[in-house]
Amino acid sequence: SNLHRGGVGKLVKLSRAEKAAALLATKALGLGVAGVDMLQSQRGPLVLEVNSSPGLEGIEKATGLDIAGQIIDYTAALAERKRKAKPKKSAPDSAAD
């Protein structure tokens, strides 16, 4: 919402602790993709909010990347892995008939 109020997004390099906090918060909510709002503190990163449907305009402008396309690719790859991991049902044994 800050971007829609005239704020400006900028590219930053996340620390390991910030990445870990964002991933932990995302996984704790059972999400595959999320926008995680954090503050830096003396105790480390603090998670303020986790958005299950994050806005992409700011991150795409700041990075110059097609984040929506990357999410689609990630989701398709995840679905394919799950499809391949599904146990195949065996055909009925015709000799038993």
PDB file of N, CA and C in Angstrom:
ATOM      1  N   SER A   1       0.826  -1.197   0.000  1.00  0.00           N
ATOM      2  CA  SER A   1       0.000   0.000   0.000  1.00  0.00           C
ATOM      3  C   SER A   1       0.863   1.250   0.000  1.00  0.00           C
ATOM      4  N   ASN A   2       2.078   1.157   0.501  1.00  0.00           N
ATOM      5  CA  ASN A   2       2.936   2.342   0.507  1.00  0.00           C
ATOM      6  C   ASN A   2       3.280   2.787  -0.909  1.00  0.00           C
ATOM      7  N   LEU A   3       3.430   1.839  -1.822  1.00  0.00           N
ATOM      8  CA  LEU A   3       3.723   2.199  -3.206  1.00  0.00           C
ATOM      9  C   LEU A   3       2.550   2.943  -3.829  1.00  0.00           C
ATOM     10  N   HIS A   4       1.355   2.549  -3.478  1.00  0.00           N
ATOM     11  CA  HIS A   4       0.174   3.202  -4.026  1.00  0.00           C
ATOM     12  C   HIS A   4      -0.041   4.587  -3.423  1.00  0.00           C
ATOM     13  N   ARG A   5       0.674   4.879  -2.355  1.00  0.00           N
ATOM     14  CA  ARG A   5       0.583   6.203  -1.726  1.00  0.00           C
ATOM     15  C   ARG A   5       1.750   7.093  -2.124  1.00  0.00           C
ATOM     16  N   GLY A   6       2.525   6.651  -3.109  1.00  0.00           N
ATOM     17  CA  GLY A   6       3.634   7.463  -3.583  1.00  0.00           C
ATOM     18  C   GLY A   6       4.993   6.986  -3.125  1.00  0.00           C
ATOM     19  N   GLY A   7       5.032   5.884  -2.372  1.00  0.00           N
ATOM     20  CA  GLY A   7       6.312   5.318  -1.950  1.00  0.00           C
ATOM     21  C   GLY A   7       7.075   4.765  -3.141  1.00  0.00           C
ATOM     22  N   VAL A   8       8.358   4.539  -2.956  1.00  0.00           N
ATOM     23  CA  VAL A   8       9.206   4.027  -4.027  1.00  0.00           C
ATOM     24  C   VAL A   8       9.871   2.742  -3.558  1.00  0.00           C
ATOM     25  N   GLY A   9       9.773   1.712  -4.382  1.00  0.00           N
ATOM     26  CA  GLY A   9      10.457   0.462  -4.074  1.00  0.00           C
ATOM     27  C   GLY A   9      11.905   0.546  -4.526  1.00  0.00           C
ATOM     28  N   LYS A  10      12.794  -0.094  -3.777  1.00  0.00           N
ATOM     29  CA  LYS A  10      14.189  -0.130  -4.215  1.00  0.00           C
ATOM     30  C   LYS A  10      14.752  -1.511  -3.938  1.00  0.00           C
ATOM     31  N   LEU A  11      15.684  -1.904  -4.758  1.00  0.00           N
ATOM     32  CA  LEU A  11      16.306  -3.210  -4.662  1.00  0.00           C
ATOM     33  C   LEU A  11      17.276  -3.231  -3.485  1.00  0.00           C
ATOM     34  N   VAL A  12      17.136  -4.225  -2.623  1.00  0.00           N
ATOM     35  CA  VAL A  12      18.055  -4.408  -1.499  1.00  0.00           C
ATOM     36  C   VAL A  12      18.495  -5.863  -1.470  1.00  0.00           C
ATOM     37  N   LYS A  13      19.654  -6.103  -0.899  1.00  0.00           N
ATOM     38  CA  LYS A  13      20.143  -7.472  -0.731  1.00  0.00           C
ATOM     39  C   LYS A  13      19.773  -7.916   0.678  1.00  0.00           C
ATOM     40  N   LEU A  14      18.993  -8.997   0.763  1.00  0.00           N
ATOM     41  CA  LEU A  14      18.574  -9.503   2.070  1.00  0.00           C
ATOM     42  C   LEU A  14      19.704 -10.257   2.748  1.00  0.00           C
ATOM     43  N   SER A  15      19.770 -10.137   4.054  1.00  0.00           N
ATOM     44  CA  SER A  15      20.736 -10.915   4.832  1.00  0.00           C
ATOM     45  C   SER A  15      20.228 -12.352   4.939  1.00  0.00           C
ATOM     46  N   ARG A  16      21.082 -13.246   5.373  1.00  0.00           N
ATOM     47  CA  ARG A  16      20.655 -14.642   5.590  1.00  0.00           C
ATOM     48  C   ARG A  16      19.518 -14.710   6.596  1.00  0.00           C
ATOM     49  N   ALA A  17      19.614 -13.912   7.648  1.00  0.00           N
ATOM     50  CA  ALA A  17      18.577 -13.908   8.688  1.00  0.00           C
ATOM     51  C   ALA A  17      17.248 -13.415   8.124  1.00  0.00           C
ATOM     52  N   GLU A  18      17.288 -12.407   7.258  1.00  0.00           N
ATOM     53  CA  GLU A  18      16.056 -11.894   6.651  1.00  0.00           C
ATOM     54  C   GLU A  18      15.434 -12.930   5.720  1.00  0.00           C
ATOM     55  N   LYS A  19      16.268 -13.588   4.916  1.00  0.00           N
ATOM     56  CA  LYS A  19      15.758 -14.651   4.036  1.00  0.00           C
ATOM     57  C   LYS A  19      15.144 -15.775   4.853  1.00  0.00           C
ATOM     58  N   ALA A  20      15.838 -16.184   5.909  1.00  0.00           N
ATOM     59  CA  ALA A  20      15.350 -17.281   6.757  1.00  0.00           C
ATOM     60  C   ALA A  20      14.023 -16.912   7.414  1.00  0.00           C
ATOM     61  N   ALA A  21      13.908 -15.680   7.904  1.00  0.00           N
ATOM     62  CA  ALA A  21      12.664 -15.239   8.552  1.00  0.00           C
ATOM     63  C   ALA A  21      11.509 -15.225   7.553  1.00  0.00           C
ATOM     64  N   ALA A  22      11.764 -14.737   6.344  1.00  0.00           N
ATOM     65  CA  ALA A  22      10.716 -14.688   5.319  1.00  0.00           C
ATOM     66  C   ALA A  22      10.268 -16.092   4.927  1.00  0.00           C
ATOM     67  N   LEU A  23      11.222 -16.988   4.734  1.00  0.00           N
ATOM     68  CA  LEU A  23      10.875 -18.366   4.361  1.00  0.00           C
ATOM     69  C   LEU A  23      10.148 -19.085   5.489  1.00  0.00           C
ATOM     70  N   LEU A  24      10.593 -18.891   6.710  1.00  0.00           N
ATOM     71  CA  LEU A  24       9.946 -19.525   7.862  1.00  0.00           C
ATOM     72  C   LEU A  24       8.501 -19.043   8.009  1.00  0.00           C
ATOM     73  N   ALA A  25       8.291 -17.747   7.867  1.00  0.00           N
ATOM     74  CA  ALA A  25       6.939 -17.194   7.978  1.00  0.00           C
ATOM     75  C   ALA A  25       6.041 -17.721   6.859  1.00  0.00           C
ATOM     76  N   THR A  26       6.588 -17.805   5.661  1.00  0.00           N
ATOM     77  CA  THR A  26       5.827 -18.305   4.513  1.00  0.00           C
ATOM     78  C   THR A  26       5.438 -19.762   4.716  1.00  0.00           C
ATOM     79  N   LYS A  27       6.406 -20.581   5.122  1.00  0.00           N
ATOM     80  CA  LYS A  27       6.143 -22.011   5.339  1.00  0.00           C
ATOM     81  C   LYS A  27       5.210 -22.242   6.516  1.00  0.00           C
ATOM     82  N   ALA A  28       5.331 -21.430   7.562  1.00  0.00           N
ATOM     83  CA  ALA A  28       4.474 -21.591   8.748  1.00  0.00           C
ATOM     84  C   ALA A  28       3.000 -21.422   8.392  1.00  0.00           C
ATOM     85  N   LEU A  29       2.731 -20.622   7.366  1.00  0.00           N
ATOM     86  CA  LEU A  29       1.353 -20.399   6.932  1.00  0.00           C
ATOM     87  C   LEU A  29       0.949 -21.330   5.789  1.00  0.00           C
ATOM     88  N   GLY A  30       1.846 -22.247   5.419  1.00  0.00           N
ATOM     89  CA  GLY A  30       1.530 -23.206   4.366  1.00  0.00           C
ATOM     90  C   GLY A  30       1.456 -22.587   2.981  1.00  0.00           C
ATOM     91  N   LEU A  31       2.192 -21.515   2.763  1.00  0.00           N
ATOM     92  CA  LEU A  31       2.153 -20.819   1.481  1.00  0.00           C
ATOM     93  C   LEU A  31       3.358 -21.182   0.628  1.00  0.00           C
ATOM     94  N   GLY A  32       3.171 -21.205  -0.669  1.00  0.00           N
ATOM     95  CA  GLY A  32       4.277 -21.430  -1.591  1.00  0.00           C
ATOM     96  C   GLY A  32       4.897 -20.122  -2.043  1.00  0.00           C
ATOM     97  N   VAL A  33       4.089 -19.086  -2.092  1.00  0.00           N
ATOM     98  CA  VAL A  33       4.528 -17.753  -2.506  1.00  0.00           C
ATOM     99  C   VAL A  33       3.881 -16.748  -1.564  1.00  0.00           C
ATOM    100  N   ALA A  34       4.653 -15.762  -1.129  1.00  0.00           N
ATOM    101  CA  ALA A  34       4.100 -14.747  -0.229  1.00  0.00           C
ATOM    102  C   ALA A  34       4.936 -13.479  -0.298  1.00  0.00           C
ATOM    103  N   GLY A  35       4.319 -12.386   0.086  1.00  0.00           N
ATOM    104  CA  GLY A  35       5.034 -11.141   0.308  1.00  0.00           C
ATOM    105  C   GLY A  35       5.175 -10.975   1.811  1.00  0.00           C
ATOM    106  N   VAL A  36       6.395 -10.829   2.284  1.00  0.00           N
ATOM    107  CA  VAL A  36       6.638 -10.747   3.727  1.00  0.00           C
ATOM    108  C   VAL A  36       7.174  -9.360   4.056  1.00  0.00           C
ATOM    109  N   ASP A  37       6.434  -8.643   4.894  1.00  0.00           N
ATOM    110  CA  ASP A  37       6.854  -7.316   5.346  1.00  0.00           C
ATOM    111  C   ASP A  37       7.639  -7.475   6.638  1.00  0.00           C
ATOM    112  N   MET A  38       8.837  -6.878   6.681  1.00  0.00           N
ATOM    113  CA  MET A  38       9.701  -7.009   7.855  1.00  0.00           C
ATOM    114  C   MET A  38      10.290  -5.662   8.241  1.00  0.00           C
ATOM    115  N   LEU A  39      10.701  -5.584   9.494  1.00  0.00           N
ATOM    116  CA  LEU A  39      11.485  -4.461  10.001  1.00  0.00           C
ATOM    117  C   LEU A  39      12.813  -5.000  10.498  1.00  0.00           C
ATOM    118  N   GLN A  40      13.847  -4.186  10.382  1.00  0.00           N
ATOM    119  CA  GLN A  40      15.132  -4.554  10.966  1.00  0.00           C
ATOM    120  C   GLN A  40      15.134  -4.083  12.411  1.00  0.00           C
ATOM    121  N   SER A  41      15.693  -4.920  13.294  1.00  0.00           N
ATOM    122  CA  SER A  41      15.797  -4.540  14.701  1.00  0.00           C
ATOM    123  C   SER A  41      17.130  -5.027  15.244  1.00  0.00           C
ATOM    124  N   GLN A  42      17.445  -4.624  16.456  1.00  0.00           N
ATOM    125  CA  GLN A  42      18.680  -5.091  17.086  1.00  0.00           C
ATOM    126  C   GLN A  42      18.620  -6.588  17.361  1.00  0.00           C
ATOM    127  N   ARG A  43      17.408  -7.143  17.458  1.00  0.00           N
ATOM    128  CA  ARG A  43      17.232  -8.585  17.684  1.00  0.00           C
ATOM    129  C   ARG A  43      17.220  -9.376  16.386  1.00  0.00           C
ATOM    130  N   GLY A  44      17.283  -8.676  15.266  1.00  0.00           N
ATOM    131  CA  GLY A  44      17.199  -9.333  13.966  1.00  0.00           C
ATOM    132  C   GLY A  44      15.917  -8.930  13.265  1.00  0.00           C
ATOM    133  N   PRO A  45      15.619  -9.571  12.137  1.00  0.00           N
ATOM    134  CA  PRO A  45      14.421  -9.191  11.391  1.00  0.00           C
ATOM    135  C   PRO A  45      13.146  -9.542  12.145  1.00  0.00           C
ATOM    136  N   LEU A  46      12.175  -8.639  12.082  1.00  0.00           N
ATOM    137  CA  LEU A  46      10.873  -8.859  12.704  1.00  0.00           C
ATOM    138  C   LEU A  46       9.818  -8.919  11.608  1.00  0.00           C
ATOM    139  N   VAL A  47       9.065 -10.006  11.561  1.00  0.00           N
ATOM    140  CA  VAL A  47       8.011 -10.158  10.562  1.00  0.00           C
ATOM    141  C   VAL A  47       6.784  -9.379  11.023  1.00  0.00           C
ATOM    142  N   LEU A  48       6.322  -8.466  10.187  1.00  0.00           N
ATOM    143  CA  LEU A  48       5.138  -7.660  10.491  1.00  0.00           C
ATOM    144  C   LEU A  48       3.878  -8.250   9.882  1.00  0.00           C
ATOM    145  N   GLU A  49       4.009  -8.733   8.654  1.00  0.00           N
ATOM    146  CA  GLU A  49       2.830  -9.176   7.916  1.00  0.00           C
ATOM    147  C   GLU A  49       3.271 -10.135   6.818  1.00  0.00           C
ATOM    148  N   VAL A  50       2.426 -11.138   6.554  1.00  0.00           N
ATOM    149  CA  VAL A  50       2.662 -12.067   5.454  1.00  0.00           C
ATOM    150  C   VAL A  50       1.450 -11.987   4.530  1.00  0.00           C
ATOM    151  N   ASN A  51       1.695 -11.655   3.278  1.00  0.00           N
ATOM    152  CA  ASN A  51       0.621 -11.486   2.298  1.00  0.00           C
ATOM    153  C   ASN A  51       0.573 -12.691   1.369  1.00  0.00           C
ATOM    154  N   SER A  52      -0.558 -13.390   1.371  1.00  0.00           N
ATOM    155  CA  SER A  52      -0.690 -14.573   0.520  1.00  0.00           C
ATOM    156  C   SER A  52      -0.900 -14.205  -0.945  1.00  0.00           C
ATOM    157  N   SER A  53      -1.264 -12.975  -1.198  1.00  0.00           N
ATOM    158  CA  SER A  53      -1.447 -12.488  -2.566  1.00  0.00           C
ATOM    159  C   SER A  53      -0.735 -11.143  -2.687  1.00  0.00           C
ATOM    160  N   PRO A  54       0.598 -11.186  -2.747  1.00  0.00           N
ATOM    161  CA  PRO A  54       1.360  -9.936  -2.716  1.00  0.00           C
ATOM    162  C   PRO A  54       1.227  -9.136  -4.009  1.00  0.00           C
ATOM    163  N   GLY A  55       1.311  -7.828  -3.868  1.00  0.00           N
ATOM    164  CA  GLY A  55       1.372  -6.958  -5.039  1.00  0.00           C
ATOM    165  C   GLY A  55       2.740  -7.113  -5.693  1.00  0.00           C
ATOM    166  N   LEU A  56       2.781  -7.104  -7.004  1.00  0.00           N
ATOM    167  CA  LEU A  56       4.042  -7.354  -7.708  1.00  0.00           C
ATOM    168  C   LEU A  56       4.597  -6.128  -8.416  1.00  0.00           C
ATOM    169  N   GLU A  57       3.818  -5.080  -8.529  1.00  0.00           N
ATOM    170  CA  GLU A  57       4.243  -3.908  -9.292  1.00  0.00           C
ATOM    171  C   GLU A  57       5.556  -3.331  -8.769  1.00  0.00           C
ATOM    172  N   GLY A  58       5.647  -3.137  -7.467  1.00  0.00           N
ATOM    173  CA  GLY A  58       6.851  -2.535  -6.890  1.00  0.00           C
ATOM    174  C   GLY A  58       8.086  -3.390  -7.067  1.00  0.00           C
ATOM    175  N   ILE A  59       7.958  -4.690  -6.816  1.00  0.00           N
ATOM    176  CA  ILE A  59       9.125  -5.570  -6.927  1.00  0.00           C
ATOM    177  C   ILE A  59       9.547  -5.732  -8.385  1.00  0.00           C
ATOM    178  N   GLU A  60       8.580  -5.740  -9.296  1.00  0.00           N
ATOM    179  CA  GLU A  60       8.944  -5.859 -10.707  1.00  0.00           C
ATOM    180  C   GLU A  60       9.642  -4.596 -11.200  1.00  0.00           C
ATOM    181  N   LYS A  61       9.177  -3.427 -10.750  1.00  0.00           N
ATOM    182  CA  LYS A  61       9.837  -2.174 -11.143  1.00  0.00           C
ATOM    183  C   LYS A  61      11.231  -2.077 -10.542  1.00  0.00           C
ATOM    184  N   ALA A  62      11.367  -2.463  -9.274  1.00  0.00           N
ATOM    185  CA  ALA A  62      12.659  -2.339  -8.585  1.00  0.00           C
ATOM    186  C   ALA A  62      13.702  -3.300  -9.149  1.00  0.00           C
ATOM    187  N   THR A  63      13.267  -4.499  -9.545  1.00  0.00           N
ATOM    188  CA  THR A  63      14.219  -5.515 -10.010  1.00  0.00           C
ATOM    189  C   THR A  63      14.343  -5.591 -11.521  1.00  0.00           C
ATOM    190  N   GLY A  64      13.318  -5.109 -12.234  1.00  0.00           N
ATOM    191  CA  GLY A  64      13.316  -5.261 -13.687  1.00  0.00           C
ATOM    192  C   GLY A  64      13.019  -6.689 -14.121  1.00  0.00           C
ATOM    193  N   LEU A  65      12.517  -7.502 -13.199  1.00  0.00           N
ATOM    194  CA  LEU A  65      12.229  -8.911 -13.484  1.00  0.00           C
ATOM    195  C   LEU A  65      10.731  -9.144 -13.628  1.00  0.00           C
ATOM    196  N   ASP A  66      10.389 -10.180 -14.378  1.00  0.00           N
ATOM    197  CA  ASP A  66       8.996 -10.603 -14.532  1.00  0.00           C
ATOM    198  C   ASP A  66       8.669 -11.568 -13.393  1.00  0.00           C
ATOM    199  N   ILE A  67       8.344 -11.028 -12.226  1.00  0.00           N
ATOM    200  CA  ILE A  67       8.077 -11.848 -11.043  1.00  0.00           C
ATOM    201  C   ILE A  67       6.821 -12.689 -11.249  1.00  0.00           C
ATOM    202  N   ALA A  68       5.796 -12.123 -11.869  1.00  0.00           N
ATOM    203  CA  ALA A  68       4.567 -12.885 -12.134  1.00  0.00           C
ATOM    204  C   ALA A  68       4.887 -14.107 -12.985  1.00  0.00           C
ATOM    205  N   GLY A  69       5.697 -13.935 -14.006  1.00  0.00           N
ATOM    206  CA  GLY A  69       6.110 -15.061 -14.851  1.00  0.00           C
ATOM    207  C   GLY A  69       6.894 -16.099 -14.070  1.00  0.00           C
ATOM    208  N   GLN A  70       7.761 -15.641 -13.163  1.00  0.00           N
ATOM    209  CA  GLN A  70       8.536 -16.573 -12.339  1.00  0.00           C
ATOM    210  C   GLN A  70       7.628 -17.363 -11.404  1.00  0.00           C
ATOM    211  N   ILE A  71       6.595 -16.726 -10.872  1.00  0.00           N
ATOM    212  CA  ILE A  71       5.645 -17.427 -10.003  1.00  0.00           C
ATOM    213  C   ILE A  71       4.888 -18.483 -10.804  1.00  0.00           C
ATOM    214  N   ILE A  72       4.502 -18.146 -12.028  1.00  0.00           N
ATOM    215  CA  ILE A  72       3.819 -19.117 -12.890  1.00  0.00           C
ATOM    216  C   ILE A  72       4.737 -20.302 -13.169  1.00  0.00           C
ATOM    217  N   ASP A  73       5.995 -20.043 -13.509  1.00  0.00           N
ATOM    218  CA  ASP A  73       6.955 -21.121 -13.775  1.00  0.00           C
ATOM    219  C   ASP A  73       7.159 -21.993 -12.544  1.00  0.00           C
ATOM    220  N   TYR A  74       7.288 -21.369 -11.374  1.00  0.00           N
ATOM    221  CA  TYR A  74       7.469 -22.101 -10.114  1.00  0.00           C
ATOM    222  C   TYR A  74       6.269 -22.997  -9.841  1.00  0.00           C
ATOM    223  N   THR A  75       5.070 -22.444 -10.018  1.00  0.00           N
ATOM    224  CA  THR A  75       3.844 -23.198  -9.754  1.00  0.00           C
ATOM    225  C   THR A  75       3.708 -24.372 -10.717  1.00  0.00           C
ATOM    226  N   ALA A  76       4.021 -24.160 -11.985  1.00  0.00           N
ATOM    227  CA  ALA A  76       3.950 -25.239 -12.972  1.00  0.00           C
ATOM    228  C   ALA A  76       4.961 -26.339 -12.650  1.00  0.00           C
ATOM    229  N   ALA A  77       6.177 -25.963 -12.270  1.00  0.00           N
ATOM    230  CA  ALA A  77       7.200 -26.956 -11.918  1.00  0.00           C
ATOM    231  C   ALA A  77       6.794 -27.734 -10.672  1.00  0.00           C
ATOM    232  N   LEU A  78       6.220 -27.061  -9.694  1.00  0.00           N
ATOM    233  CA  LEU A  78       5.764 -27.722  -8.473  1.00  0.00           C
ATOM    234  C   LEU A  78       4.648 -28.718  -8.787  1.00  0.00           C
ATOM    235  N   ALA A  79       3.709 -28.319  -9.626  1.00  0.00           N
ATOM    236  CA  ALA A  79       2.611 -29.214 -10.010  1.00  0.00           C
ATOM    237  C   ALA A  79       3.147 -30.434 -10.749  1.00  0.00           C
ATOM    238  N   GLU A  80       4.121 -30.236 -11.610  1.00  0.00           N
ATOM    239  CA  GLU A  80       4.714 -31.357 -12.354  1.00  0.00           C
ATOM    240  C   GLU A  80       5.439 -32.319 -11.418  1.00  0.00           C
ATOM    241  N   ARG A  81       6.179 -31.785 -10.438  1.00  0.00           N
ATOM    242  CA  ARG A  81       6.867 -32.658  -9.465  1.00  0.00           C
ATOM    243  C   ARG A  81       5.857 -33.472  -8.672  1.00  0.00           C
ATOM    244  N   LYS A  82       4.770 -32.836  -8.266  1.00  0.00           N
ATOM    245  CA  LYS A  82       3.741 -33.553  -7.507  1.00  0.00           C
ATOM    246  C   LYS A  82       3.068 -34.612  -8.367  1.00  0.00           C
ATOM    247  N   ARG A  83       2.854 -34.299  -9.641  1.00  0.00           N
ATOM    248  CA  ARG A  83       2.233 -35.261 -10.546  1.00  0.00           C
ATOM    249  C   ARG A  83       3.121 -36.489 -10.709  1.00  0.00           C
ATOM    250  N   LYS A  84       4.417 -36.270 -10.870  1.00  0.00           N
ATOM    251  CA  LYS A  84       5.361 -37.379 -11.046  1.00  0.00           C
ATOM    252  C   LYS A  84       5.532 -38.188  -9.770  1.00  0.00           C
ATOM    253  N   ALA A  85       5.372 -37.554  -8.618  1.00  0.00           N
ATOM    254  CA  ALA A  85       5.570 -38.244  -7.335  1.00  0.00           C
ATOM    255  C   ALA A  85       4.360 -39.075  -6.930  1.00  0.00           C
ATOM    256  N   LYS A  86       3.224 -38.861  -7.573  1.00  0.00           N
ATOM    257  CA  LYS A  86       2.009 -39.602  -7.242  1.00  0.00           C
ATOM    258  C   LYS A  86       2.207 -41.076  -7.575  1.00  0.00           C
ATOM    259  N   PRO A  87       1.866 -41.973  -6.647  1.00  0.00           N
ATOM    260  CA  PRO A  87       1.988 -43.399  -6.976  1.00  0.00           C
ATOM    261  C   PRO A  87       0.983 -43.767  -8.060  1.00  0.00           C
ATOM    262  N   LYS A  88       1.449 -44.557  -9.008  1.00  0.00           N
ATOM    263  CA  LYS A  88       0.574 -44.981 -10.098  1.00  0.00           C
ATOM    264  C   LYS A  88      -0.295 -46.130  -9.626  1.00  0.00           C
ATOM    265  N   LYS A  89      -1.560 -46.083 -10.022  1.00  0.00           N
ATOM    266  CA  LYS A  89      -2.477 -47.166  -9.677  1.00  0.00           C
ATOM    267  C   LYS A  89      -2.180 -48.344 -10.592  1.00  0.00           C
ATOM    268  N   SER A  90      -2.109 -49.528  -9.997  1.00  0.00           N
ATOM    269  CA  SER A  90      -1.839 -50.707 -10.813  1.00  0.00           C
ATOM    270  C   SER A  90      -3.127 -51.185 -11.458  1.00  0.00           C
ATOM    271  N   ALA A  91      -2.975 -51.804 -12.616  1.00  0.00           N
ATOM    272  CA  ALA A  91      -4.130 -52.335 -13.341  1.00  0.00           C
ATOM    273  C   ALA A  91      -4.668 -53.541 -12.594  1.00  0.00           C
ATOM    274  N   PRO A  92      -5.974 -53.770 -12.652  1.00  0.00           N
ATOM    275  CA  PRO A  92      -6.536 -54.950 -11.977  1.00  0.00           C
ATOM    276  C   PRO A  92      -5.945 -56.224 -12.560  1.00  0.00           C
ATOM    277  N   ASP A  93      -5.753 -57.197 -11.712  1.00  0.00           N
ATOM    278  CA  ASP A  93      -5.170 -58.475 -12.129  1.00  0.00           C
ATOM    279  C   ASP A  93      -6.234 -59.275 -12.868  1.00  0.00           C
ATOM    280  N   SER A  94      -6.050 -59.439 -14.183  1.00  0.00           N
ATOM    281  CA  SER A  94      -7.053 -60.138 -14.991  1.00  0.00           C
ATOM    282  C   SER A  94      -7.073 -61.629 -14.698  1.00  0.00           C
ATOM    283  N   ALA A  95      -6.007 -62.183 -14.142  1.00  0.00           N
ATOM    284  CA  ALA A  95      -5.961 -63.612 -13.825  1.00  0.00           C
ATOM    285  C   ALA A  95      -6.892 -63.944 -12.669  1.00  0.00           C
ATOM    286  N   ALA A  96      -7.201 -62.961 -11.834  1.00  0.00           N
ATOM    287  CA  ALA A  96      -8.060 -63.205 -10.676  1.00  0.00           C
ATOM    288  C   ALA A  96      -9.529 -63.253 -11.069  1.00  0.00           C
ATOM    289  N   ASP A  97      -9.882 -62.812 -12.288  1.00  0.00           N
ATOM    290  CA  ASP A  97     -11.289 -62.799 -12.723  1.00  0.00           C
ATOM    291  C   ASP A  97     -11.773 -64.162 -13.077  1.00  0.00           C
TER     292      ASP A  97
END
